[in-house]
Protein backbone atom coordinates (compact mmCIF):
# COMPACT_ATOMS: atom_id res chain seq x y z
CA UNK A 1 0.27 0.01 -0.30
CA UNK A 2 0.90 3.48 -1.09
CA UNK A 3 0.36 6.95 0.38
CA UNK A 4 0.47 9.70 -1.34
CA UNK A 5 0.27 13.33 -0.42
CA UNK A 6 -1.30 16.02 -2.44
CA UNK A 7 -0.01 19.56 -0.80
CA UNK A 8 -2.72 22.17 -1.83
CA UNK A 9 -6.20 21.70 -3.61
CA UNK A 10 -5.91 24.53 -6.54
CA UNK A 11 -6.11 23.89 -10.40
CA UNK A 12 -2.63 21.48 -9.84
CA UNK A 13 -3.28 19.66 -6.83
CA UNK A 14 -6.82 19.04 -7.19
CA UNK A 15 -6.22 17.82 -10.56
CA UNK A 16 -3.35 15.36 -9.54
CA UNK A 17 -5.30 13.80 -6.49
CA UNK A 18 -8.48 13.36 -8.59
CA UNK A 19 -6.41 11.24 -11.42
CA UNK A 20 -4.92 9.40 -8.78
CA UNK A 21 -7.79 8.63 -6.72
CA UNK A 22 -9.47 7.22 -10.54
CA UNK A 23 -6.34 5.62 -11.50
CA UNK A 24 -5.16 3.43 -8.31
CA UNK A 25 -6.63 0.62 -6.26
CA UNK A 26 -8.71 1.96 -3.06
CA UNK A 27 -5.70 0.07 -0.91
CA UNK A 28 -3.86 3.21 -1.79
CA UNK A 29 -4.57 6.22 0.30
CA UNK A 30 -5.00 9.57 -1.16
CA UNK A 31 -4.80 12.75 0.86
CA UNK A 32 -5.19 16.60 0.65
CA UNK A 33 -3.64 18.50 3.11
CA UNK A 34 -5.11 22.46 2.20
CA UNK A 35 -5.61 25.81 4.39
CA UNK A 36 -8.83 26.28 1.46
CA UNK A 37 -11.76 24.56 2.08
CA UNK A 38 -13.07 25.81 -1.20
CA UNK A 39 -12.03 24.98 -4.62
CA UNK A 40 -12.22 27.81 -6.82
CA UNK A 41 -12.17 28.43 -10.63
CA UNK A 42 -9.94 31.29 -10.91
CA UNK A 43 -9.90 32.15 -14.06
CA UNK A 44 -13.80 32.81 -13.69
CA UNK A 45 -13.15 35.47 -10.87
CA UNK A 46 -12.29 37.84 -13.66
CA UNK A 47 -16.38 38.20 -14.03
CA UNK A 48 -16.50 38.31 -10.20
CA UNK A 49 -14.53 41.21 -9.80
CA UNK A 50 -17.07 43.31 -11.90
CA UNK A 51 -20.32 41.62 -10.87
CA UNK A 52 -21.53 39.74 -13.54
CA UNK A 53 -20.88 36.42 -11.04
CA UNK A 54 -21.01 35.80 -7.74
CA UNK A 55 -18.81 34.18 -5.71
CA UNK A 56 -20.62 31.39 -4.92
CA UNK A 57 -20.95 30.78 -8.57
CA UNK A 58 -17.08 30.22 -9.10
CA UNK A 59 -16.32 27.71 -6.31
CA UNK A 60 -17.44 24.69 -4.69
CA UNK A 61 -16.72 22.68 -0.99
CA UNK A 62 -14.09 20.01 -1.10
CA UNK A 63 -15.02 18.15 2.33
CA UNK A 64 -18.32 16.25 0.56
CA UNK A 65 -16.79 15.39 -2.48
CA UNK A 66 -13.43 14.13 -1.41
CA UNK A 67 -15.91 12.02 1.27
CA UNK A 68 -17.76 10.90 -1.66
CA UNK A 69 -14.52 9.98 -3.85
CA UNK A 70 -12.51 8.86 -1.03
CA UNK A 71 -9.99 11.24 -0.93
CA UNK A 72 -8.23 11.76 2.52
CA UNK A 73 -8.97 15.35 3.33
CA UNK A 74 -7.05 17.86 6.67
CA UNK A 75 -7.72 21.14 6.69
CA UNK A 76 -4.28 22.70 7.37
CA UNK A 77 -0.84 24.55 6.46
CA UNK A 78 2.42 23.21 5.63
CA UNK A 79 5.10 24.03 7.93
CA UNK A 80 8.05 22.00 7.19
CA UNK A 81 9.12 19.58 5.57
CA UNK A 82 11.14 16.02 6.72
CA UNK A 83 11.97 14.15 3.16
CA UNK A 84 13.73 11.94 5.76
CA UNK A 85 12.08 11.27 8.35
CA UNK A 86 13.18 12.26 12.02
CA UNK A 87 14.37 10.42 15.60
CA UNK A 88 11.15 9.33 15.93
CA UNK A 89 9.70 8.67 12.48
CA UNK A 90 11.66 6.87 9.60
CA UNK A 91 9.41 7.65 7.41
CA UNK A 92 9.30 10.94 5.66
CA UNK A 93 6.98 13.62 6.71
CA UNK A 94 5.28 16.99 6.46
CA UNK A 95 4.64 18.34 9.49
CA UNK A 96 1.47 20.51 9.62
CA UNK A 97 -0.54 23.02 11.52
CA UNK A 98 -4.74 23.16 11.81
CA UNK A 99 -6.23 26.78 11.83
CA UNK A 100 -9.46 25.63 12.59
CA UNK A 101 -11.73 23.60 15.13
CA UNK A 102 -10.62 21.87 17.83
CA UNK A 103 -6.91 21.64 17.01
CA UNK A 104 -6.71 25.50 15.88
CA UNK A 105 -2.72 25.58 16.49
CA UNK A 106 -1.55 22.14 16.93
CA UNK A 107 0.82 20.31 14.78
CA UNK A 108 0.69 16.93 13.50
CA UNK A 109 3.61 14.79 10.93
CA UNK A 110 1.79 13.35 8.03
CA UNK A 111 3.30 10.65 7.05
CA UNK A 112 4.19 9.49 3.46
CA UNK A 113 5.48 7.88 0.25
CA UNK A 114 4.96 10.15 -2.14
CA UNK A 115 4.58 14.18 -2.00
CA UNK A 116 3.28 16.44 -4.36
CA UNK A 117 3.92 19.98 -3.30
CA UNK A 118 1.70 21.86 -5.42
CA UNK A 119 1.09 24.83 -3.04
CA UNK A 120 1.31 27.60 -5.43
CA UNK A 121 2.41 30.71 -4.64
CA UNK A 122 2.04 33.08 -1.77
CA UNK A 123 0.48 36.17 -2.61
CA UNK A 124 3.09 38.56 -2.14
CA UNK A 125 0.89 42.23 -1.23
CA UNK A 126 3.80 42.79 1.29
CA UNK A 127 6.72 42.90 -1.08
CA UNK A 128 4.78 46.59 -2.43
CA UNK A 129 4.16 49.15 0.89
CA UNK A 130 0.46 49.60 1.37
CA UNK A 131 -0.37 47.33 -1.49
CA UNK A 132 -2.79 44.90 0.84
CA UNK A 133 -6.24 44.53 -0.92
CA UNK A 134 -8.88 46.69 -0.13
CA UNK A 135 -6.92 49.65 1.41
CA UNK A 136 -6.07 53.06 -0.48
CA UNK A 137 -8.45 52.48 -2.82
CA UNK A 138 -6.62 49.33 -4.39
CA UNK A 139 -7.87 46.13 -4.69
CA UNK A 140 -7.33 42.32 -6.12
CA UNK A 141 -8.58 39.67 -8.32
CA UNK A 142 -6.49 36.60 -7.28
CA UNK A 143 -9.18 35.13 -4.88
CA UNK A 144 -13.38 34.71 -5.08
CA UNK A 145 -13.29 37.05 -1.86
CA UNK A 146 -10.84 39.77 -3.64
CA UNK A 147 -12.48 39.66 -6.70
CA UNK A 148 -15.89 40.07 -4.75
CA UNK A 149 -14.54 42.79 -2.56
CA UNK A 150 -12.79 44.55 -5.76
CA UNK A 151 -16.40 44.89 -7.37
CA UNK A 152 -17.88 46.58 -4.40
CA UNK A 153 -14.80 48.98 -4.96
CA UNK A 154 -15.87 49.63 -8.59
CA UNK A 155 -19.66 49.24 -7.58
CA UNK A 156 -19.30 52.43 -5.25
CA UNK A 157 -17.31 54.80 -7.65
CA UNK A 158 -19.45 54.03 -10.17
CA UNK A 159 -22.87 55.17 -8.15
CA UNK A 160 -20.43 58.09 -6.94
CA UNK A 161 -19.88 58.77 -11.32
CA UNK A 162 -23.50 58.82 -12.25
CA UNK A 163 -24.87 60.43 -9.18
CA UNK A 164 -22.06 63.09 -10.20
CA UNK A 165 -20.30 65.63 -12.90
CA UNK A 166 -17.29 64.49 -11.33
CA UNK A 167 -14.17 62.37 -12.98
CA UNK A 168 -12.42 59.40 -12.27
CA UNK A 169 -9.29 57.71 -12.59
CA UNK A 170 -8.71 54.26 -12.55
CA UNK A 171 -5.42 52.05 -12.99
CA UNK A 172 -5.43 48.36 -13.30
CA UNK A 173 -2.19 46.04 -14.16
CA UNK A 174 0.92 44.84 -12.21
CA UNK A 175 2.10 45.98 -8.54
CA UNK A 176 5.34 45.30 -7.95
CA UNK A 177 8.32 45.29 -10.58
CA UNK A 178 8.78 41.53 -11.06
CA UNK A 179 4.85 40.82 -10.62
CA UNK A 180 3.75 38.17 -13.39
CA UNK A 181 0.20 37.65 -13.94
CA UNK A 182 -0.22 40.35 -16.84
CA UNK A 183 -2.44 37.99 -18.16
CA UNK A 184 -5.39 38.21 -15.95
CA UNK A 185 -5.00 42.16 -15.69
CA UNK A 186 -5.18 42.46 -18.79
CA UNK A 187 -8.61 40.53 -18.34
CA UNK A 188 -9.67 43.00 -16.32
CA UNK A 189 -9.26 45.80 -17.99
CA UNK A 190 -11.05 45.04 -20.57
CA UNK A 191 -14.14 43.72 -18.58
CA UNK A 192 -14.41 46.98 -16.11
CA UNK A 193 -14.05 49.16 -19.67
CA UNK A 194 -16.83 47.22 -20.84
CA UNK A 195 -18.71 47.48 -17.31
CA UNK A 196 -18.33 51.50 -17.20
CA UNK A 197 -20.11 51.67 -20.55
CA UNK A 198 -23.05 49.48 -20.02
CA UNK A 199 -23.33 51.49 -16.71
CA UNK A 200 -23.28 54.88 -19.00
CA UNK A 201 -20.16 56.64 -17.46
CA UNK A 202 -17.06 56.17 -19.92
CA UNK A 203 -16.85 59.18 -21.07
CA UNK A 204 -15.80 60.72 -16.73
CA UNK A 205 -13.50 57.43 -16.48
CA UNK A 206 -9.54 57.44 -17.66
CA UNK A 207 -8.70 53.96 -17.56
CA UNK A 208 -4.66 53.59 -17.48
CA UNK A 209 -2.62 50.32 -17.41
CA UNK A 210 0.15 50.14 -15.75
CA UNK A 211 2.83 47.50 -16.39
CA UNK A 212 6.22 46.12 -15.58
CA UNK A 213 6.18 44.86 -19.57
CA UNK A 214 8.42 45.79 -21.72
CA UNK A 215 6.08 46.25 -24.25
CA UNK A 216 2.11 46.00 -24.71
CA UNK A 217 1.58 42.03 -24.54
CA UNK A 218 4.26 40.79 -23.33
CA UNK A 219 2.73 38.50 -20.67
CA UNK A 220 6.33 37.66 -19.21
CA UNK A 221 6.72 35.32 -22.47
CA UNK A 222 8.41 37.98 -24.35
CA UNK A 223 5.75 38.62 -26.68
CA UNK A 224 4.86 36.60 -29.84
CA UNK A 225 4.40 36.70 -32.75
CA UNK A 226 0.99 35.37 -34.11
CA UNK A 227 -1.24 34.60 -36.34
CA UNK A 228 -3.83 37.28 -36.62
CA UNK A 229 -6.77 36.18 -39.38
CA UNK A 230 -4.30 34.78 -41.61
CA UNK A 231 -1.17 37.49 -41.18
CA UNK A 232 1.43 37.26 -39.09
CA UNK A 233 1.40 40.08 -35.49
CA UNK A 234 3.29 40.85 -32.95
CA UNK A 235 1.23 40.60 -29.90
CA UNK A 236 2.26 43.93 -28.52
CA UNK A 237 0.04 45.15 -32.34
CA UNK A 238 -2.54 43.53 -31.39
CA UNK A 239 -2.62 44.10 -28.04
CA UNK A 240 -1.97 47.43 -29.01
CA UNK A 241 -4.97 48.25 -30.80
CA UNK A 242 -7.36 46.81 -28.61
CA UNK A 243 -6.25 49.15 -26.08
CA UNK A 244 -6.42 52.16 -28.77
CA UNK A 245 -10.37 51.22 -29.31
CA UNK A 246 -10.87 51.06 -26.19
CA UNK A 247 -10.07 54.32 -25.12
CA UNK A 248 -6.96 52.72 -22.35
CA UNK A 249 -3.91 54.54 -22.08
CA UNK A 250 -0.52 52.61 -20.98
CA UNK A 251 2.32 52.95 -18.66
CA UNK A 252 5.20 50.49 -19.25
CA UNK A 253 8.03 49.22 -18.00
CA UNK A 254 6.96 50.44 -14.60
CA UNK A 255 7.70 49.06 -10.79
CA UNK A 256 5.53 49.61 -8.30
CA UNK A 257 7.28 50.34 -5.13
CA UNK A 258 4.55 51.48 -3.21
CA UNK A 259 0.95 52.81 -2.95
CA UNK A 260 -0.60 55.72 -0.74
CA UNK A 261 -4.52 56.09 -0.34
CA UNK A 262 -5.49 57.15 -4.29
CA UNK A 263 -1.37 57.01 -5.07
CA UNK A 264 0.74 54.62 -7.39
CA UNK A 265 4.76 55.39 -6.32
CA UNK A 266 6.84 53.76 -9.38
CA UNK A 267 9.99 53.37 -11.15
CA UNK A 268 10.74 53.28 -14.91
CA UNK A 269 13.41 52.21 -16.49
CA UNK A 270 15.17 55.81 -17.53
CA UNK A 271 15.36 55.91 -13.04
CA UNK A 272 12.55 58.07 -13.00
CA UNK A 273 10.56 58.42 -9.88
CA UNK A 274 7.03 58.44 -10.73
CA UNK A 275 3.37 58.64 -9.32
CA UNK A 276 -0.28 57.89 -10.68
CA UNK A 277 -3.53 59.04 -8.86
CA UNK A 278 -6.45 56.99 -9.31
CA UNK A 279 -9.91 56.53 -7.58
CA UNK A 280 -9.62 52.46 -8.17
CA UNK A 281 -6.99 50.58 -8.95
CA UNK A 282 -6.03 46.67 -9.13
CA UNK A 283 -2.99 45.51 -8.75
CA UNK A 284 -1.61 42.02 -9.41
CA UNK A 285 1.11 41.31 -6.45
CA UNK A 286 4.44 39.93 -6.92
CA UNK A 287 4.10 36.27 -6.35
CA UNK A 288 6.34 34.09 -4.28
CA UNK A 289 6.97 30.88 -2.22
CA UNK A 290 5.84 30.19 0.98
CA UNK A 291 9.39 30.15 2.70
CA UNK A 292 9.26 26.51 3.84
CA UNK A 293 11.96 24.88 5.39
CA UNK A 294 12.88 21.20 5.09
CA UNK A 295 15.44 19.37 7.19
CA UNK A 296 17.23 15.60 7.48
CA UNK A 297 17.04 12.95 9.59
CA UNK A 298 19.12 14.30 12.51
CA UNK A 299 17.37 18.15 11.88
CA UNK A 300 20.23 19.22 9.96
CA UNK A 301 18.32 22.49 7.82
CA UNK A 302 18.48 21.08 3.87
CA UNK A 303 15.85 23.89 2.41
CA UNK A 304 18.39 24.63 -0.59
CA UNK A 305 18.06 21.18 -1.67
CA UNK A 306 14.19 21.66 -2.06
CA UNK A 307 14.04 25.26 -2.04
CA UNK A 308 15.11 28.31 -4.67
CA UNK A 309 11.77 30.28 -3.16
CA UNK A 310 9.66 27.62 -5.05
CA UNK A 311 10.57 24.29 -5.07
CA UNK A 312 13.42 23.22 -6.97
CA UNK A 313 12.47 20.09 -9.39
CA UNK A 314 14.78 18.95 -13.14
CA UNK A 315 15.46 21.83 -14.15
CA UNK A 316 19.01 23.03 -15.19
CA UNK A 317 19.34 26.02 -12.62
CA UNK A 318 22.37 27.40 -13.64
CA UNK A 319 23.23 30.97 -14.02
CA UNK A 320 23.72 32.10 -17.74
CA UNK A 321 23.38 35.35 -20.08
CA UNK A 322 20.17 35.34 -21.07
CA UNK A 323 21.14 35.02 -24.53
CA UNK A 324 22.37 31.39 -23.33
CA UNK A 325 18.90 30.08 -21.81
CA UNK A 326 17.27 27.44 -23.68
CA UNK A 327 14.25 25.36 -24.13
CA UNK A 328 16.15 22.38 -22.33
CA UNK A 329 16.26 24.44 -18.97
CA UNK A 330 12.85 23.35 -18.32
CA UNK A 331 11.73 20.72 -16.58
CA UNK A 332 9.67 17.95 -18.00
CA UNK A 333 8.95 15.18 -15.04
CA UNK A 334 8.92 17.99 -11.89
CA UNK A 335 10.21 15.60 -9.51
CA UNK A 336 13.00 16.98 -7.08
CA UNK A 337 16.63 15.71 -8.11
CA UNK A 338 17.45 15.15 -3.80
CA UNK A 339 14.44 13.15 -3.09
CA UNK A 340 12.37 11.88 -6.67
CA UNK A 341 9.34 10.93 -4.08
CA UNK A 342 8.56 14.24 -4.32
CA UNK A 343 7.61 16.45 -6.72
CA UNK A 344 6.47 19.93 -7.78
CA UNK A 345 4.14 20.66 -10.50
CA UNK A 346 1.82 24.00 -11.43
CA UNK A 347 3.28 27.00 -10.00
CA UNK A 348 4.38 25.47 -7.31
CA UNK A 349 8.14 24.61 -8.51
CA UNK A 350 10.98 27.07 -9.30
CA UNK A 351 11.66 28.56 -12.42
CA UNK A 352 14.87 28.12 -14.33
CA UNK A 353 14.73 31.28 -15.64
CA UNK A 354 12.34 33.68 -16.55
CA UNK A 355 11.31 33.64 -20.17
CA UNK A 356 11.14 37.48 -20.99
CA UNK A 357 14.46 39.29 -21.23
CA UNK A 358 15.62 40.71 -18.04
CA UNK A 359 15.96 44.59 -17.06
CA UNK A 360 16.97 46.84 -15.44
CA UNK A 361 15.80 50.55 -14.72
CA UNK A 362 18.79 53.09 -14.52
CA UNK A 363 19.00 52.77 -10.90
CA UNK A 364 19.74 49.23 -11.49
CA UNK A 365 16.40 47.83 -10.19
CA UNK A 366 15.05 44.82 -12.05
CA UNK A 367 11.83 45.76 -13.82
CA UNK A 368 10.68 42.94 -16.03
CA UNK A 369 7.71 40.21 -15.38
CA UNK A 370 8.07 36.91 -14.20
CA UNK A 371 7.10 33.82 -15.71
CA UNK A 372 3.67 33.15 -16.21
CA UNK A 373 2.12 30.43 -14.24
CA UNK A 374 -1.21 29.70 -16.13
CA UNK A 375 -4.15 26.96 -15.52
CA UNK A 376 -3.46 25.27 -18.63
CA UNK A 377 0.16 24.09 -17.95
CA UNK A 378 -0.54 23.64 -14.31
CA UNK A 379 -3.55 20.84 -14.83
CA UNK A 380 -1.13 19.07 -17.32
CA UNK A 381 1.65 18.61 -14.72
CA UNK A 382 -0.58 18.02 -12.57
CA UNK A 383 -2.02 14.87 -14.71
CA UNK A 384 1.53 14.04 -15.43
CA UNK A 385 3.08 13.56 -12.02
CA UNK A 386 0.23 12.13 -11.08
CA UNK A 387 0.54 9.05 -13.76
CA UNK A 388 4.55 8.60 -12.90
CA UNK A 389 3.50 7.69 -9.44
CA UNK A 390 0.98 5.46 -10.62
CA UNK A 391 3.53 3.90 -12.78
CA UNK A 392 6.17 3.98 -10.27
CA UNK A 393 3.14 1.75 -7.64
CA UNK A 394 2.50 -0.17 -10.15
CA UNK A 395 5.32 -1.25 -11.15
CA UNK A 396 7.92 -0.88 -8.12
CA UNK A 397 10.42 1.39 -9.23
CA UNK A 398 10.94 5.07 -9.77
CA UNK A 399 9.30 5.94 -13.28
CA UNK A 400 9.55 8.92 -15.13
CA UNK A 401 8.13 8.31 -18.45
CA UNK A 402 5.59 10.95 -18.71
CA UNK A 403 6.97 13.79 -19.85
CA UNK A 404 5.68 17.30 -19.94
CA UNK A 405 8.05 20.38 -20.36
CA UNK A 406 6.87 24.12 -21.00
CA UNK A 407 9.06 23.97 -23.68
CA UNK A 408 7.58 21.76 -26.04
CA UNK A 409 4.17 21.86 -24.33
CA UNK A 410 0.86 24.90 -25.68
CA UNK A 411 -1.58 26.98 -23.72
CA UNK A 412 -4.55 28.54 -24.57
CA UNK A 413 -5.74 31.77 -23.23
CA UNK A 414 -9.16 33.39 -23.70
CA UNK A 415 -9.57 37.15 -22.44
CA UNK A 416 -12.86 37.81 -21.87
CA UNK A 417 -13.50 41.84 -22.56
CA UNK A 418 -17.18 41.81 -21.55
CA UNK A 419 -19.62 39.56 -20.48
CA UNK A 420 -23.02 38.62 -22.32
CA UNK A 421 -23.98 35.49 -25.05
CA UNK A 422 -25.09 38.65 -27.37
CA UNK A 423 -22.89 41.41 -26.33
CA UNK A 424 -19.76 39.90 -24.32
CA UNK A 425 -16.64 39.61 -26.48
CA UNK A 426 -13.50 37.79 -26.49
CA UNK A 427 -9.70 37.42 -27.34
CA UNK A 428 -8.71 34.28 -27.86
CA UNK A 429 -4.38 33.70 -27.87
CA UNK A 430 -2.87 29.82 -28.38
CA UNK A 431 0.92 29.67 -28.01
CA UNK A 432 3.13 26.84 -28.76
CA UNK A 433 5.36 26.17 -27.29
CA UNK A 434 5.17 28.70 -24.13
CA UNK A 435 9.18 28.59 -23.56
CA UNK A 436 9.99 29.71 -26.66
CA UNK A 437 12.66 28.21 -29.06
CA UNK A 438 14.68 30.56 -31.03
CA UNK A 439 16.89 27.39 -32.61
CA UNK A 440 13.72 25.60 -33.97
CA UNK A 441 11.95 28.27 -35.42
CA UNK A 442 14.17 31.40 -35.58
CA UNK A 443 12.08 33.63 -38.17
CA UNK A 444 9.32 33.53 -35.63
CA UNK A 445 9.79 34.44 -32.32
CA UNK A 446 10.54 31.27 -31.02
CA UNK A 447 7.25 29.85 -31.94
CA UNK A 448 5.10 27.78 -34.36
CA UNK A 449 2.60 30.61 -36.36
CA UNK A 450 0.73 27.38 -37.34
CA UNK A 451 0.09 26.73 -33.68
CA UNK A 452 0.59 30.64 -32.28
CA UNK A 453 -2.59 32.51 -32.99
CA UNK A 454 -5.21 34.82 -31.74
CA UNK A 455 -8.66 36.12 -32.40
CA UNK A 456 -11.27 39.00 -31.63
CA UNK A 457 -15.39 38.56 -31.16
CA UNK A 458 -18.08 36.94 -29.32
CA UNK A 459 -16.90 33.59 -30.24
CA UNK A 460 -14.20 33.32 -27.82
CA UNK A 461 -16.16 35.11 -24.98
CA UNK A 462 -18.97 31.31 -25.86
CA UNK A 463 -16.07 29.59 -25.04
CA UNK A 464 -14.67 30.67 -22.34
CA UNK A 465 -17.96 31.21 -20.51
CA UNK A 466 -18.67 27.64 -21.81
CA UNK A 467 -14.95 26.40 -20.17
CA UNK A 468 -15.88 27.88 -17.06
CA UNK A 469 -19.01 25.28 -16.50
CA UNK A 470 -17.19 22.65 -18.40
CA UNK A 471 -14.11 22.65 -15.81
CA UNK A 472 -16.19 23.44 -13.16
CA UNK A 473 -17.92 20.12 -14.07
CA UNK A 474 -14.34 18.65 -14.80
CA UNK A 475 -13.33 19.78 -10.87
CA UNK A 476 -16.40 18.25 -9.33
CA UNK A 477 -15.50 14.65 -10.82
CA UNK A 478 -18.94 13.78 -12.05
CA UNK A 479 -19.44 11.03 -15.16
CA UNK A 480 -16.63 10.97 -17.06
CA UNK A 481 -14.98 13.78 -16.07
CA UNK A 482 -11.41 12.56 -16.96
CA UNK A 483 -12.78 13.31 -20.96
CA UNK A 484 -12.60 16.75 -20.61
CA UNK A 485 -8.95 17.81 -21.07
CA UNK A 486 -6.36 19.40 -18.85
């Protein structure tokens, strides 16, 4: 009998647990440890943040589902990793701490044969002074409760504008010099702009995009050359066209360092320190690792064997100049080299390097996007990790047959730009590969133009809405859920 412990119940953790439970016999134990009792479909938080969906539409409770499916569940946070056990416990384990109920504050050892670290990122609001969601007129859509709070703030501003002749400024983008997730902010600014139109107050609002990107449409992937209507078009031109059509201004190469009440302080690549005022802002925070510690059997600190901010996996972390980075640096099986029974799919693994070109301001401040960490690769890597564990259990020896590098993996992203079956719009973008391969595709920005394309229109919104219901169906493990691809 084997025991697989999954840390985290987001897209990666939940996907891995679901596939493990479906494919392994009941003699094997699958246990999920997570401080969150609900599963949320994060891409739809955007619609919660504009009041077009309720928070309850994007999440569901995990405990009844896991009980029904035979998946163990512990609502707690991880405190430390002990991959060799200790003097009193022979098996490897993680130390956890209960956060709720009668056991609140108590710690426990959870042993495992295989461990999947799918804890995702820490939303590091604290790395930008004053960027606490819901304070200083600045909000977030990173979680459903953040998004609901953002809608309340936006709604109040819209009401104020309807009942006065006042003007307002809205600022949306990234809230840290090295933040990622530009795609979510991009989608949110389009939806907010559309809602302002719907409420007939658009003419009273100055809408501005602020980002650490060097060019529009970088998205942490160094931009992309895509096929749009049969013609090649750089992503910056596509986004510029969309912004120009919507009357959205932009501030690029901006590293936000501090937020005060209605003010964002930032440094640009020219080394200038500037301030942008706003009446409502949504700024994506930096993502970081959770600061976990790891110890060997003798209680010596071995954190550097497991973590480099995020978890160390089968990537090449050798420091090199940007021009020497390659797709071969990226992991394929997401296992830790020192402890091959520990895996980190999704956002939990440490990227070997950035994808966008690193840039510094004239003052020496790093201002460029970190690699994007999206739902589709999270699901794909979680499934391949689960399949490798299943093969290892069934064969009785370590197996890493299933592979999937972001250097040979595609991703699809649909950014809604308005809600409604007839009036909704969407911008559909697919890219292959996620990490550009400049050797294989030297003349098209490192990507295959036949698989990298963009499209605008109502159809994209229909697909986005369909995916909302399809992936919640899949997450709830309803009949034949596994037929829906990651």
